Amino acid sequence: MKIYNTLTRKKEDFKPIQAGKALIYVCGPTVYNYIHIGNSRPMIVYDTLRRYLLYIGYDVKFVSNFTDIDDKIINRAKEENVPFTDITKNILMHILKIVMV
C-alpha cells in the first residue's frame, strides 16, 4: 500500500514504525457548529483507512482531536450569550453520537 508522505511530498510504501502496528492521528473538527461534509471528510477517509488496516491484520491505534476552543467558538458563545463550554459540549456530544456508529 502506498501512502502520501507529507514530509517528503512523495507517495511511499507504507512501512509501520513497529511491525504489525499502525498509529493514526487525525485533526478532528472544531466544535463550534454541527458537522458538514467539509469537516466530516477527514473522519470518513481516515476511518476507512483504519478499517482497512484492521482488515489486513494490523493492530491500529487511532486518535482524533476535537478543537474545543478557538475564535469561532468564542464568537458563537458571545452571540448566544452562553459560556463557550455550553457550545462545545453540546456539539461534541452530537458529533460523537454520529461517529461512534
N, C-alpha and C. Protein backbone atom coordinates (compact mmCIF):
# COMPACT_ATOMS: atom_id res chain seq x y z
N MET A 1 0.85 -1.16 0.00
CA MET A 1 0.00 0.00 0.00
C MET A 1 0.91 1.23 0.00
N LYS A 2 0.54 2.22 -0.79
CA LYS A 2 1.28 3.48 -0.86
C LYS A 2 0.52 4.54 -0.07
N ILE A 3 1.28 5.37 0.62
CA ILE A 3 0.74 6.47 1.41
C ILE A 3 1.51 7.73 1.02
N TYR A 4 0.80 8.86 0.94
CA TYR A 4 1.48 10.13 0.66
C TYR A 4 2.17 10.61 1.93
N ASN A 5 3.47 10.79 1.84
CA ASN A 5 4.27 11.27 2.97
C ASN A 5 4.37 12.78 2.85
N THR A 6 3.75 13.51 3.77
CA THR A 6 3.77 14.97 3.70
C THR A 6 5.15 15.54 3.99
N LEU A 7 6.00 14.77 4.66
CA LEU A 7 7.36 15.24 4.94
C LEU A 7 8.22 15.23 3.68
N THR A 8 8.15 14.13 2.92
CA THR A 8 8.95 14.02 1.69
C THR A 8 8.19 14.48 0.45
N ARG A 9 6.88 14.63 0.60
CA ARG A 9 5.99 15.01 -0.50
C ARG A 9 6.02 14.00 -1.64
N LYS A 10 6.09 12.72 -1.24
CA LYS A 10 6.09 11.64 -2.22
C LYS A 10 5.17 10.52 -1.74
N LYS A 11 4.67 9.75 -2.71
CA LYS A 11 3.96 8.52 -2.37
C LYS A 11 5.00 7.47 -2.04
N GLU A 12 4.83 6.83 -0.90
CA GLU A 12 5.80 5.84 -0.45
C GLU A 12 5.08 4.59 0.03
N ASP A 13 5.80 3.47 0.01
CA ASP A 13 5.25 2.24 0.58
C ASP A 13 4.98 2.47 2.06
N PHE A 14 3.84 1.96 2.53
CA PHE A 14 3.51 2.07 3.95
C PHE A 14 4.41 1.13 4.74
N LYS A 15 5.21 1.71 5.63
CA LYS A 15 6.10 0.93 6.50
C LYS A 15 5.85 1.39 7.93
N PRO A 16 5.16 0.58 8.72
CA PRO A 16 4.89 1.00 10.10
C PRO A 16 6.18 1.07 10.93
N ILE A 17 6.17 1.91 11.93
CA ILE A 17 7.32 2.04 12.83
C ILE A 17 7.56 0.71 13.55
N GLN A 18 6.47 0.09 14.00
CA GLN A 18 6.53 -1.23 14.64
C GLN A 18 5.80 -2.21 13.74
N ALA A 19 6.41 -3.34 13.48
CA ALA A 19 5.78 -4.35 12.62
C ALA A 19 4.42 -4.74 13.18
N GLY A 20 3.42 -4.74 12.29
CA GLY A 20 2.09 -5.17 12.67
C GLY A 20 1.25 -4.14 13.40
N LYS A 21 1.81 -2.94 13.63
CA LYS A 21 1.07 -1.89 14.33
C LYS A 21 1.01 -0.64 13.47
N ALA A 22 -0.15 -0.01 13.47
CA ALA A 22 -0.32 1.24 12.73
C ALA A 22 -0.85 2.30 13.68
N LEU A 23 -0.23 3.45 13.67
CA LEU A 23 -0.64 4.57 14.51
C LEU A 23 -1.17 5.67 13.61
N ILE A 24 -2.39 6.13 13.89
CA ILE A 24 -3.01 7.17 13.05
C ILE A 24 -3.46 8.31 13.96
N TYR A 25 -3.06 9.53 13.61
CA TYR A 25 -3.55 10.73 14.30
C TYR A 25 -4.22 11.61 13.26
N VAL A 26 -5.42 12.08 13.59
CA VAL A 26 -6.19 12.91 12.67
C VAL A 26 -6.65 14.17 13.40
N CYS A 27 -6.46 15.32 12.77
CA CYS A 27 -7.04 16.55 13.31
C CYS A 27 -8.54 16.49 13.08
N GLY A 28 -9.29 16.52 14.15
CA GLY A 28 -10.74 16.47 14.06
C GLY A 28 -11.34 17.85 13.88
N PRO A 29 -12.66 17.93 13.92
CA PRO A 29 -13.33 19.22 13.68
C PRO A 29 -13.23 20.17 14.86
N THR A 30 -13.43 21.44 14.56
CA THR A 30 -13.62 22.45 15.60
C THR A 30 -15.10 22.43 15.95
N VAL A 31 -15.41 22.28 17.22
CA VAL A 31 -16.80 22.02 17.61
C VAL A 31 -17.56 23.31 17.93
N TYR A 32 -17.65 24.18 16.92
CA TYR A 32 -18.41 25.42 17.07
C TYR A 32 -19.80 25.29 16.44
N ASN A 33 -19.98 24.29 15.58
CA ASN A 33 -21.26 24.08 14.93
C ASN A 33 -21.33 22.62 14.48
N TYR A 34 -22.50 22.21 14.04
CA TYR A 34 -22.69 20.82 13.64
C TYR A 34 -21.81 20.48 12.44
N ILE A 35 -21.44 19.20 12.33
CA ILE A 35 -20.54 18.81 11.26
C ILE A 35 -21.22 18.90 9.89
N HIS A 36 -20.40 19.13 8.88
CA HIS A 36 -20.85 19.19 7.50
C HIS A 36 -19.87 18.38 6.66
N ILE A 37 -20.10 18.30 5.39
CA ILE A 37 -19.27 17.45 4.53
C ILE A 37 -17.80 17.86 4.57
N GLY A 38 -17.53 19.14 4.69
CA GLY A 38 -16.14 19.61 4.71
C GLY A 38 -15.35 19.11 5.90
N ASN A 39 -15.96 19.18 7.11
CA ASN A 39 -15.18 18.73 8.26
C ASN A 39 -15.44 17.28 8.64
N SER A 40 -16.35 16.62 7.94
CA SER A 40 -16.54 15.19 8.19
C SER A 40 -15.69 14.34 7.24
N ARG A 41 -15.25 14.92 6.14
CA ARG A 41 -14.46 14.17 5.16
C ARG A 41 -13.23 13.50 5.77
N PRO A 42 -12.38 14.24 6.52
CA PRO A 42 -11.21 13.57 7.11
C PRO A 42 -11.60 12.41 8.03
N MET A 43 -12.67 12.58 8.78
CA MET A 43 -13.10 11.49 9.67
C MET A 43 -13.47 10.25 8.87
N ILE A 44 -14.15 10.45 7.76
CA ILE A 44 -14.57 9.33 6.92
C ILE A 44 -13.36 8.67 6.24
N VAL A 45 -12.49 9.49 5.68
CA VAL A 45 -11.31 8.96 4.97
C VAL A 45 -10.43 8.16 5.91
N TYR A 46 -10.11 8.72 7.07
CA TYR A 46 -9.19 8.04 7.97
C TYR A 46 -9.84 6.89 8.72
N ASP A 47 -11.15 6.95 8.91
CA ASP A 47 -11.83 5.79 9.48
C ASP A 47 -11.81 4.63 8.48
N THR A 48 -11.96 4.95 7.20
CA THR A 48 -11.87 3.92 6.17
C THR A 48 -10.47 3.30 6.15
N LEU A 49 -9.44 4.13 6.25
CA LEU A 49 -8.07 3.62 6.33
C LEU A 49 -7.90 2.73 7.56
N ARG A 50 -8.40 3.18 8.70
CA ARG A 50 -8.32 2.40 9.94
C ARG A 50 -8.96 1.03 9.76
N ARG A 51 -10.16 1.02 9.19
CA ARG A 51 -10.88 -0.24 8.99
C ARG A 51 -10.12 -1.17 8.03
N TYR A 52 -9.53 -0.61 6.99
CA TYR A 52 -8.76 -1.41 6.05
C TYR A 52 -7.54 -2.02 6.74
N LEU A 53 -6.82 -1.22 7.50
CA LEU A 53 -5.64 -1.73 8.20
C LEU A 53 -6.02 -2.83 9.20
N LEU A 54 -7.14 -2.66 9.89
CA LEU A 54 -7.62 -3.72 10.78
C LEU A 54 -7.93 -4.98 9.98
N TYR A 55 -8.57 -4.81 8.84
CA TYR A 55 -8.97 -5.92 7.99
C TYR A 55 -7.76 -6.74 7.52
N ILE A 56 -6.66 -6.05 7.19
CA ILE A 56 -5.49 -6.78 6.71
C ILE A 56 -4.56 -7.21 7.85
N GLY A 57 -5.01 -7.03 9.08
CA GLY A 57 -4.30 -7.63 10.20
C GLY A 57 -3.47 -6.73 11.09
N TYR A 58 -3.52 -5.43 10.87
CA TYR A 58 -2.76 -4.53 11.73
C TYR A 58 -3.47 -4.29 13.05
N ASP A 59 -2.69 -4.09 14.10
CA ASP A 59 -3.18 -3.58 15.37
C ASP A 59 -3.15 -2.06 15.21
N VAL A 60 -4.31 -1.42 15.25
CA VAL A 60 -4.39 0.01 14.92
C VAL A 60 -4.73 0.83 16.15
N LYS A 61 -3.96 1.88 16.35
CA LYS A 61 -4.29 2.89 17.36
C LYS A 61 -4.67 4.15 16.60
N PHE A 62 -5.91 4.58 16.78
CA PHE A 62 -6.47 5.71 16.03
C PHE A 62 -6.82 6.81 17.03
N VAL A 63 -6.26 7.99 16.83
CA VAL A 63 -6.51 9.11 17.73
C VAL A 63 -6.97 10.30 16.90
N SER A 64 -8.01 10.96 17.38
CA SER A 64 -8.50 12.17 16.72
C SER A 64 -8.75 13.23 17.79
N ASN A 65 -8.36 14.46 17.49
CA ASN A 65 -8.65 15.53 18.43
C ASN A 65 -9.94 16.25 18.02
N PHE A 66 -10.49 16.99 18.92
CA PHE A 66 -11.60 17.90 18.66
C PHE A 66 -11.19 19.24 19.25
N THR A 67 -11.12 20.27 18.42
CA THR A 67 -10.75 21.59 18.91
C THR A 67 -11.95 22.18 19.64
N ASP A 68 -11.78 22.42 20.93
CA ASP A 68 -12.92 22.89 21.72
C ASP A 68 -12.76 24.32 22.23
N ILE A 69 -11.78 25.03 21.71
CA ILE A 69 -11.67 26.46 21.98
C ILE A 69 -10.92 27.12 20.82
N ASP A 70 -11.56 28.09 20.23
CA ASP A 70 -10.93 28.94 19.21
C ASP A 70 -11.86 30.12 18.95
N ASP A 71 -11.48 31.00 18.04
CA ASP A 71 -12.25 32.22 17.81
C ASP A 71 -13.69 31.95 17.39
N LYS A 72 -13.91 30.95 16.53
CA LYS A 72 -15.27 30.65 16.08
C LYS A 72 -16.16 30.25 17.26
N ILE A 73 -15.62 29.48 18.16
CA ILE A 73 -16.38 29.02 19.34
C ILE A 73 -16.66 30.21 20.26
N ILE A 74 -15.64 31.01 20.51
CA ILE A 74 -15.81 32.18 21.38
C ILE A 74 -16.83 33.13 20.80
N ASN A 75 -16.77 33.39 19.49
CA ASN A 75 -17.73 34.30 18.85
C ASN A 75 -19.15 33.77 18.93
N ARG A 76 -19.32 32.48 18.70
CA ARG A 76 -20.66 31.90 18.78
C ARG A 76 -21.20 31.99 20.20
N ALA A 77 -20.36 31.73 21.19
CA ALA A 77 -20.78 31.82 22.59
C ALA A 77 -21.20 33.25 22.93
N LYS A 78 -20.47 34.23 22.43
CA LYS A 78 -20.83 35.63 22.66
C LYS A 78 -22.17 35.95 22.01
N GLU A 79 -22.37 35.49 20.77
CA GLU A 79 -23.63 35.73 20.06
C GLU A 79 -24.82 35.14 20.82
N GLU A 80 -24.63 33.96 21.39
CA GLU A 80 -25.71 33.28 22.10
C GLU A 80 -25.74 33.61 23.59
N ASN A 81 -24.76 34.40 24.03
CA ASN A 81 -24.67 34.81 25.43
C ASN A 81 -24.66 33.61 26.38
N VAL A 82 -23.81 32.64 26.06
CA VAL A 82 -23.66 31.44 26.89
C VAL A 82 -22.17 31.16 27.06
N PRO A 83 -21.80 30.39 28.08
CA PRO A 83 -20.39 30.01 28.20
C PRO A 83 -19.96 29.16 27.00
N PHE A 84 -18.72 29.33 26.57
CA PHE A 84 -18.25 28.58 25.40
C PHE A 84 -18.35 27.08 25.63
N THR A 85 -18.25 26.64 26.88
CA THR A 85 -18.33 25.21 27.17
C THR A 85 -19.72 24.65 26.86
N ASP A 86 -20.75 25.48 26.93
CA ASP A 86 -22.10 25.02 26.54
C ASP A 86 -22.13 24.68 25.05
N ILE A 87 -21.50 25.52 24.26
CA ILE A 87 -21.45 25.29 22.81
C ILE A 87 -20.69 24.00 22.52
N THR A 88 -19.48 23.92 23.03
CA THR A 88 -18.62 22.79 22.69
C THR A 88 -19.15 21.47 23.22
N LYS A 89 -19.69 21.47 24.42
CA LYS A 89 -20.20 20.22 24.99
C LYS A 89 -21.36 19.67 24.16
N ASN A 90 -22.30 20.52 23.81
CA ASN A 90 -23.46 20.08 23.03
C ASN A 90 -23.06 19.59 21.64
N ILE A 91 -22.22 20.35 20.96
CA ILE A 91 -21.80 19.96 19.61
C ILE A 91 -20.96 18.68 19.66
N LEU A 92 -20.05 18.59 20.62
CA LEU A 92 -19.21 17.40 20.72
C LEU A 92 -20.04 16.15 20.97
N MET A 93 -21.02 16.23 21.85
CA MET A 93 -21.89 15.08 22.11
C MET A 93 -22.65 14.67 20.85
N HIS A 94 -23.11 15.66 20.09
CA HIS A 94 -23.81 15.39 18.83
C HIS A 94 -22.87 14.67 17.84
N ILE A 95 -21.66 15.18 17.70
CA ILE A 95 -20.69 14.58 16.77
C ILE A 95 -20.35 13.16 17.21
N LEU A 96 -20.11 12.95 18.48
CA LEU A 96 -19.75 11.61 18.96
C LEU A 96 -20.87 10.60 18.73
N LYS A 97 -22.12 11.04 18.85
CA LYS A 97 -23.24 10.13 18.55
C LYS A 97 -23.19 9.67 17.10
N ILE A 98 -22.80 10.57 16.21
CA ILE A 98 -22.75 10.25 14.79
C ILE A 98 -21.56 9.36 14.46
N VAL A 99 -20.38 9.71 14.95
CA VAL A 99 -19.17 9.00 14.55
C VAL A 99 -18.95 7.68 15.29
N MET A 100 -19.65 7.45 16.36
CA MET A 100 -19.45 6.21 17.12
C MET A 100 -20.34 5.08 16.62
N VAL A 101 -20.95 5.26 15.47
CA VAL A 101 -21.83 4.22 14.91
C VAL A 101 -21.01 3.06 14.41
